[in-house]
Protein backbone atom coordinates (compact mmCIF):
# COMPACT_ATOMS: atom_id res chain seq x y z
CA UNK A 1 -26.41 50.67 81.86
CA UNK A 2 -29.87 50.74 81.19
CA UNK A 3 -31.20 46.74 82.47
CA UNK A 4 -32.91 46.78 79.00
CA UNK A 5 -30.05 46.88 76.87
CA UNK A 6 -28.61 44.76 78.94
CA UNK A 7 -30.94 42.20 78.96
CA UNK A 8 -30.72 41.95 75.31
CA UNK A 9 -27.09 41.78 74.84
CA UNK A 10 -27.17 38.12 77.26
CA UNK A 11 -29.76 36.99 74.73
CA UNK A 12 -28.11 37.98 72.07
CA UNK A 13 -25.06 36.31 73.50
CA UNK A 14 -26.83 33.57 74.46
CA UNK A 15 -28.15 32.94 70.73
CA UNK A 16 -24.41 33.22 69.19
CA UNK A 17 -23.71 30.24 71.64
CA UNK A 18 -26.68 27.94 70.92
CA UNK A 19 -26.02 28.61 66.67
CA UNK A 20 -22.23 27.45 67.64
CA UNK A 21 -23.32 24.10 69.68
CA UNK A 22 -25.70 23.34 66.92
CA UNK A 23 -23.14 23.77 64.00
CA UNK A 24 -20.59 21.84 66.25
CA UNK A 25 -23.11 18.62 66.31
CA UNK A 26 -23.69 19.24 62.41
CA UNK A 27 -20.23 18.72 61.52
CA UNK A 28 -18.00 16.61 63.11
CA UNK A 29 -14.42 16.83 63.57
CA UNK A 30 -12.03 14.95 60.47
CA UNK A 31 -10.20 11.98 61.22
CA UNK A 32 -6.79 11.92 61.48
CA UNK A 33 -6.34 8.54 60.46
CA UNK A 34 -7.44 9.45 56.87
CA UNK A 35 -4.98 12.47 56.48
CA UNK A 36 -1.93 12.18 58.78
CA UNK A 37 0.42 14.69 57.61
CA UNK A 38 3.53 12.99 58.96
CA UNK A 39 2.98 10.08 57.56
CA UNK A 40 2.88 11.68 54.06
CA UNK A 41 6.14 13.29 54.74
CA UNK A 42 7.45 10.34 56.33
CA UNK A 43 6.71 8.39 52.96
CA UNK A 44 7.96 10.89 50.78
CA UNK A 45 11.61 11.20 53.27
CA UNK A 46 11.96 7.54 52.96
CA UNK A 47 11.28 7.17 49.42
CA UNK A 48 13.71 9.79 48.47
CA UNK A 49 16.00 7.86 50.47
CA UNK A 50 15.29 4.95 48.31
CA UNK A 51 15.98 6.83 45.15
CA UNK A 52 19.05 7.99 46.74
CA UNK A 53 20.50 4.38 47.17
CA UNK A 54 19.60 3.49 44.15
CA UNK A 55 21.39 6.06 42.82
CA UNK A 56 24.60 5.32 44.61
CA UNK A 57 24.35 1.71 43.66
CA UNK A 58 24.09 2.73 40.02
CA UNK A 59 27.50 4.74 40.52
CA UNK A 60 29.78 4.33 43.23
CA UNK A 61 28.30 1.59 44.72
CA UNK A 62 27.96 -0.49 41.23
CA UNK A 63 31.47 -2.60 42.12
CA UNK A 64 29.65 -3.61 45.65
CA UNK A 65 26.31 -4.37 44.01
CA UNK A 66 28.23 -6.57 41.22
CA UNK A 67 30.01 -8.71 43.90
CA UNK A 68 26.61 -9.25 45.66
CA UNK A 69 25.24 -10.24 42.13
CA UNK A 70 27.93 -12.75 41.80
CA UNK A 71 27.44 -13.92 45.15
CA UNK A 72 23.63 -14.72 44.66
CA UNK A 73 23.77 -15.87 41.08
CA UNK A 74 26.67 -18.06 40.78
CA UNK A 75 29.70 -17.85 38.55
CA UNK A 76 30.45 -19.84 35.69
CA UNK A 77 34.14 -19.94 34.75
CA UNK A 78 34.17 -21.93 31.97
CA UNK A 79 37.44 -20.49 30.05
CA UNK A 80 35.92 -21.19 26.47
CA UNK A 81 32.68 -19.13 27.12
CA UNK A 82 34.17 -16.26 29.15
CA UNK A 83 36.55 -15.74 25.66
CA UNK A 84 33.39 -15.64 23.66
CA UNK A 85 31.76 -13.01 26.47
CA UNK A 86 35.03 -11.20 26.56
CA UNK A 87 34.90 -10.53 22.68
CA UNK A 88 31.18 -9.38 22.39
CA UNK A 89 32.15 -6.86 25.18
CA UNK A 90 35.01 -5.98 23.85
CA UNK A 91 33.35 -5.05 20.41
CA UNK A 92 30.31 -3.85 21.55
CA UNK A 93 32.17 -1.67 24.28
CA UNK A 94 34.06 -0.13 21.44
CA UNK A 95 31.16 0.47 19.45
CA UNK A 96 29.26 2.16 21.82
CA UNK A 97 32.31 4.38 22.89
CA UNK A 98 32.24 6.24 19.20
CA UNK A 99 29.03 8.14 20.17
CA UNK A 100 28.26 7.83 24.18
CA UNK A 101 31.46 8.40 26.49
CA UNK A 102 29.44 7.30 29.79
CA UNK A 103 30.82 3.42 29.01
CA UNK A 104 34.31 4.60 28.88
CA UNK A 105 33.57 6.31 32.58
CA UNK A 106 31.77 3.42 33.78
CA UNK A 107 32.72 0.17 31.75
CA UNK A 108 30.51 -2.78 32.27
CA UNK A 109 31.18 -5.58 35.17
CA UNK A 110 29.93 -8.82 33.71
CA UNK A 111 29.76 -12.25 34.33
CA UNK A 112 28.12 -15.46 33.01
CA UNK A 113 25.74 -17.20 35.54
CA UNK A 114 24.97 -21.06 35.79
CA UNK A 115 21.25 -20.93 34.86
CA UNK A 116 20.30 -23.19 31.74
CA UNK A 117 17.36 -20.75 31.10
CA UNK A 118 17.74 -18.49 28.26
CA UNK A 119 18.35 -15.09 29.77
CA UNK A 120 20.28 -12.33 30.52
CA UNK A 121 20.21 -9.07 32.63
CA UNK A 122 21.52 -5.87 33.14
CA UNK A 123 21.44 -4.13 36.30
CA UNK A 124 22.13 -0.85 38.43
CA UNK A 125 25.52 0.51 37.46
CA UNK A 126 26.46 -1.29 34.20
CA UNK A 127 26.17 -4.70 35.62
CA UNK A 128 25.64 -7.09 33.29
CA UNK A 129 24.98 -11.12 33.52
CA UNK A 130 24.66 -13.77 30.78
CA UNK A 131 22.99 -17.53 31.48
CA UNK A 132 24.89 -20.31 30.85
CA UNK A 133 21.73 -21.29 28.52
CA UNK A 134 21.96 -18.68 26.22
CA UNK A 135 25.22 -20.00 25.61
CA UNK A 136 23.78 -23.58 25.40
CA UNK A 137 21.06 -22.29 23.24
CA UNK A 138 23.03 -21.15 20.30
CA UNK A 139 25.69 -23.77 20.39
CA UNK A 140 28.44 -21.03 21.60
CA UNK A 141 28.26 -18.64 18.28
CA UNK A 142 29.07 -15.59 19.18
CA UNK A 143 27.19 -13.48 17.00
CA UNK A 144 23.76 -14.35 17.78
CA UNK A 145 24.96 -14.38 21.50
CA UNK A 146 26.24 -10.78 20.90
CA UNK A 147 22.57 -9.73 19.82
CA UNK A 148 21.39 -10.80 23.33
CA UNK A 149 24.30 -9.20 25.18
CA UNK A 150 23.80 -5.84 22.55
CA UNK A 151 20.14 -5.66 23.90
CA UNK A 152 21.22 -5.70 27.65
CA UNK A 153 23.88 -3.26 27.00
CA UNK A 154 21.32 -0.58 25.50
CA UNK A 155 19.11 -1.29 28.37
CA UNK A 156 22.61 -0.30 30.56
CA UNK A 157 22.99 3.02 28.18
CA UNK A 158 19.76 4.24 28.62
CA UNK A 159 19.36 3.68 32.59
CA UNK A 160 16.24 1.77 31.97
CA UNK A 161 17.16 -0.55 35.13
CA UNK A 162 17.66 2.69 37.25
CA UNK A 163 14.79 4.46 36.12
CA UNK A 164 12.73 0.82 36.39
CA UNK A 165 13.94 0.68 39.83
CA UNK A 166 12.95 3.36 41.17
CA UNK A 167 9.23 3.38 39.76
CA UNK A 168 8.69 -0.14 41.44
CA UNK A 169 10.42 -0.38 44.85
CA UNK A 170 8.29 1.88 46.74
CA UNK A 171 8.29 2.35 50.62
CA UNK A 172 5.60 -0.51 51.04
CA UNK A 173 7.69 -2.66 49.21
CA UNK A 174 10.68 -2.17 50.89
CA UNK A 175 9.13 -2.08 54.47
CA UNK A 176 7.93 -5.51 53.69
CA UNK A 177 11.43 -6.73 52.20
CA UNK A 178 13.03 -5.42 55.39
CA UNK A 179 10.35 -6.11 57.51
CA UNK A 180 10.60 -2.26 59.30
CA UNK A 181 10.55 1.04 57.99
CA UNK A 182 13.86 2.24 56.38
CA UNK A 183 15.53 3.99 59.45
CA UNK A 184 16.51 7.81 58.72
CA UNK A 185 19.96 8.30 56.54
CA UNK A 186 19.95 4.64 56.04
CA UNK A 187 21.19 3.27 52.59
CA UNK A 188 19.24 0.33 51.18
CA UNK A 189 21.54 -3.02 51.84
CA UNK A 190 23.41 -4.31 49.05
CA UNK A 191 21.33 -7.45 49.04
CA UNK A 192 18.13 -5.88 49.06
CA UNK A 193 18.85 -4.07 45.78
CA UNK A 194 20.69 -7.23 44.40
CA UNK A 195 17.34 -9.01 44.48
CA UNK A 196 15.15 -6.86 44.60
CA UNK A 197 16.19 -4.60 41.75
CA UNK A 198 16.91 -7.26 39.07
CA UNK A 199 15.23 -7.46 35.98
CA UNK A 200 12.87 -4.58 37.23
CA UNK A 201 10.44 -2.06 35.90
CA UNK A 202 11.55 -2.52 32.35
CA UNK A 203 8.79 -2.15 29.88
CA UNK A 204 7.47 -3.21 26.49
CA UNK A 205 8.55 0.49 25.38
CA UNK A 206 12.18 -0.25 27.00
CA UNK A 207 11.99 -3.66 25.22
CA UNK A 208 11.49 -2.09 21.75
CA UNK A 209 14.17 0.75 22.28
CA UNK A 210 16.55 -1.81 23.26
CA UNK A 211 16.04 -4.03 20.13
CA UNK A 212 15.93 -1.04 17.35
CA UNK A 213 19.11 0.72 18.84
CA UNK A 214 21.00 -3.15 19.50
CA UNK A 215 20.98 -3.42 15.81
CA UNK A 216 22.53 -0.21 15.13
CA UNK A 217 25.45 -1.80 17.78
CA UNK A 218 25.31 -4.96 16.05
CA UNK A 219 26.39 -4.30 12.56
CA UNK A 220 28.97 -1.16 13.70
CA UNK A 221 30.56 -3.92 15.66
CA UNK A 222 30.84 -5.99 12.34
CA UNK A 223 28.48 -8.50 13.20
CA UNK A 224 26.04 -10.41 10.73
CA UNK A 225 23.16 -7.74 10.37
CA UNK A 226 20.74 -10.42 10.02
CA UNK A 227 21.88 -12.54 13.14
CA UNK A 228 19.32 -10.26 15.06
CA UNK A 229 16.46 -11.48 13.27
CA UNK A 230 17.82 -15.09 13.24
CA UNK A 231 17.97 -15.09 16.63
CA UNK A 232 14.13 -14.42 17.12
CA UNK A 233 13.26 -17.24 14.42
CA UNK A 234 14.93 -19.46 16.19
CA UNK A 235 13.35 -18.60 19.56
CA UNK A 236 9.57 -19.08 17.59
CA UNK A 237 10.93 -22.40 16.46
CA UNK A 238 11.97 -23.64 19.83
CA UNK A 239 8.78 -21.69 22.03
CA UNK A 240 6.09 -24.34 21.46
CA UNK A 241 5.94 -27.32 23.54
CA UNK A 242 6.03 -28.20 27.56
CA UNK A 243 9.57 -27.78 27.96
CA UNK A 244 9.41 -24.11 26.33
CA UNK A 245 8.10 -22.38 29.67
CA UNK A 246 11.45 -23.52 31.35
CA UNK A 247 13.72 -22.31 28.93
CA UNK A 248 12.39 -18.81 28.41
CA UNK A 249 11.02 -17.85 31.39
CA UNK A 250 10.87 -13.94 31.22
CA UNK A 251 11.27 -13.05 27.60
CA UNK A 252 7.96 -14.70 26.12
CA UNK A 253 5.71 -12.81 29.14
CA UNK A 254 3.40 -10.78 27.31
CA UNK A 255 2.96 -7.96 29.70
CA UNK A 256 6.33 -6.68 29.84
CA UNK A 257 7.84 -8.26 26.29
CA UNK A 258 6.77 -7.86 22.76
CA UNK A 259 5.20 -10.70 20.80
CA UNK A 260 8.60 -12.77 19.41
CA UNK A 261 7.06 -12.61 15.80
CA UNK A 262 7.07 -8.87 16.04
CA UNK A 263 10.50 -8.71 17.34
CA UNK A 264 11.52 -11.14 13.79
CA UNK A 265 9.93 -9.18 11.56
CA UNK A 266 11.28 -6.13 12.89
CA UNK A 267 14.32 -7.10 12.60
CA UNK A 268 13.99 -8.56 9.19
CA UNK A 269 12.64 -4.96 8.15
CA UNK A 270 16.38 -3.42 9.08
CA UNK A 271 18.02 -6.19 7.49
CA UNK A 272 16.31 -5.29 4.30
CA UNK A 273 16.79 -0.99 4.69
CA UNK A 274 20.22 -1.93 5.54
CA UNK A 275 20.48 -3.71 2.25
CA UNK A 276 19.24 -0.75 0.50
CA UNK A 277 16.34 -2.28 0.03
CA UNK A 278 17.66 -4.85 -1.56
CA UNK A 279 17.86 -8.17 -0.07
CA UNK A 280 14.62 -9.39 1.60
CA UNK A 281 13.48 -12.91 3.39
CA UNK A 282 9.75 -14.05 2.90
CA UNK A 283 8.14 -14.09 6.69
CA UNK A 284 6.41 -17.34 5.60
CA UNK A 285 8.77 -19.54 3.82
CA UNK A 286 11.97 -18.84 4.05
CA UNK A 287 12.56 -17.25 0.74
CA UNK A 288 15.81 -15.29 0.18
CA UNK A 289 14.98 -12.45 -2.46
CA UNK A 290 17.11 -9.90 -4.26
CA UNK A 291 15.57 -7.03 -6.01
CA UNK A 292 12.29 -9.16 -5.72
CA UNK A 293 13.52 -12.10 -7.75
CA UNK A 294 14.04 -15.57 -5.91
CA UNK A 295 17.76 -16.37 -4.63
CA UNK A 296 17.31 -19.43 -2.80
CA UNK A 297 15.03 -21.09 -0.05
CA UNK A 298 17.54 -22.53 2.25
CA UNK A 299 16.64 -25.90 4.21
CA UNK A 300 17.64 -26.81 7.69
CA UNK A 301 21.19 -27.53 8.39
CA UNK A 302 23.71 -27.18 11.44
CA UNK A 303 21.17 -27.52 14.11
CA UNK A 304 19.12 -24.79 12.32
CA UNK A 305 15.62 -24.69 10.56
CA UNK A 306 15.82 -23.38 7.09
CA UNK A 307 14.38 -19.99 8.37
CA UNK A 308 17.19 -19.00 10.78
CA UNK A 309 19.54 -20.22 7.98
CA UNK A 310 17.59 -17.46 5.84
CA UNK A 311 18.30 -14.27 7.99
CA UNK A 312 21.81 -15.30 8.11
CA UNK A 313 22.45 -15.58 4.61
CA UNK A 314 20.44 -12.87 3.58
CA UNK A 315 22.47 -10.80 6.26
CA UNK A 316 25.58 -11.45 4.61
CA UNK A 317 23.78 -10.55 1.40
CA UNK A 318 22.87 -7.06 2.55
CA UNK A 319 26.27 -6.57 4.08
CA UNK A 320 27.50 -6.76 0.27
CA UNK A 321 24.66 -4.33 -0.58
CA UNK A 322 25.18 -2.17 1.70
CA UNK A 323 28.80 -1.79 0.61
CA UNK A 324 28.24 -1.21 -2.67
CA UNK A 325 29.80 -4.95 -3.60
CA UNK A 326 26.79 -6.44 -5.34
CA UNK A 327 28.83 -5.96 -8.94
CA UNK A 328 31.33 -7.99 -8.29
CA UNK A 329 30.75 -11.55 -9.98
CA UNK A 330 29.67 -14.69 -7.79
CA UNK A 331 31.32 -17.54 -7.77
CA UNK A 332 32.01 -21.20 -6.21
CA UNK A 333 34.96 -21.71 -4.54
CA UNK A 334 35.75 -24.68 -1.99
CA UNK A 335 32.37 -25.45 -1.70
CA UNK A 336 30.98 -21.86 -0.52
CA UNK A 337 29.66 -18.84 -3.04
CA UNK A 338 31.05 -15.48 -2.72
CA UNK A 339 30.61 -12.10 -4.82
CA UNK A 340 33.90 -11.32 -5.16
CA UNK A 341 35.86 -11.83 -2.03
CA UNK A 342 32.54 -11.68 0.22
CA UNK A 343 30.74 -15.26 1.43
CA UNK A 344 27.72 -15.43 0.86
CA UNK A 345 26.92 -19.12 1.41
CA UNK A 346 27.89 -22.94 1.88
CA UNK A 347 25.01 -24.40 0.29
CA UNK A 348 23.75 -27.92 1.09
CA UNK A 349 22.72 -30.69 -1.41
CA UNK A 350 19.30 -29.36 -0.53
CA UNK A 351 19.73 -26.35 -0.85
CA UNK A 352 20.40 -26.28 -5.09
CA UNK A 353 22.92 -27.26 -6.66
CA UNK A 354 26.22 -24.88 -6.11
CA UNK A 355 26.52 -24.06 -9.60
CA UNK A 356 23.04 -23.30 -10.27
CA UNK A 357 22.67 -21.08 -7.70
CA UNK A 358 25.72 -19.07 -8.79
CA UNK A 359 23.89 -18.46 -11.89
CA UNK A 360 20.47 -17.15 -10.51
CA UNK A 361 22.76 -15.16 -8.47
CA UNK A 362 24.75 -13.40 -10.96
CA UNK A 363 20.89 -13.06 -13.45
CA UNK A 364 19.17 -11.20 -10.64
CA UNK A 365 21.92 -9.16 -8.62
């Protein structure tokens, strides 16, 4: 080999080695802790296990979850209260079954818990619980309690609890609860799900959807179409003062729940629409109007404000107008006002003279 050519090759190789060494010095190796492929794959696998666990308790394991919820919350076995809830669940379930067969495949499990605040929940697997405080708040009135229950059943039918739990129960949360990572192939323990997947991840849009569909459940089950607005009027009447936070807890949380006045007005609008736009309630004065003319302005009575009574009375009228019964003559009988055979109101003395109210009703309807 020509010595000159050989020496040139040696110099060229040395130059390449120098350049490569400089390159290594300029670009530092990537920090392996910044992107750990093993951790990413592991987290994804754990999240999949969490999702599968939640699916299990939504379906085959829903009975296990129900027993755990009862154990955690406690059960109120009062026969009178349970008879009310049985009747509500029977009516609402029959109504839902007409359009959604999933309720027959997974009928609701339900119980009354002893908590005295105003609340109820629907957890995974069509498992529902109503606080004793709901019964107390409405003096055991079935129609208004039914509004609360109907709202929770919409959550169940729309799988809001399952979807919310899948968003909120992350690997980090579960790991912090159980104190370690979830082992491969393990299912989340039922006690973990009972505590951490209850009232979890429900959003304002979920709440509005539940309110809107619950109205149809209520009227299709034969309840007063004014009851939903009356419920929220009662909440408004009792939500001021230092004790209100102890009564209402989560339902007045502005980050997850709509404003109570907005909810009342939404239901009031639906009441008017249901009446074929004939009956309305003035949300400021409580005046009940028919065809834009004032029928009456109820006063407080029977442990209700005048406003709450307005929505219930208007609900009676809305049903009459919806069913085209308004052409029947209004009359008084045994201290109550009827249109034909349809009950309207039992006025108190301060509501106005019963015969005067009958005359007004016949004039404006």
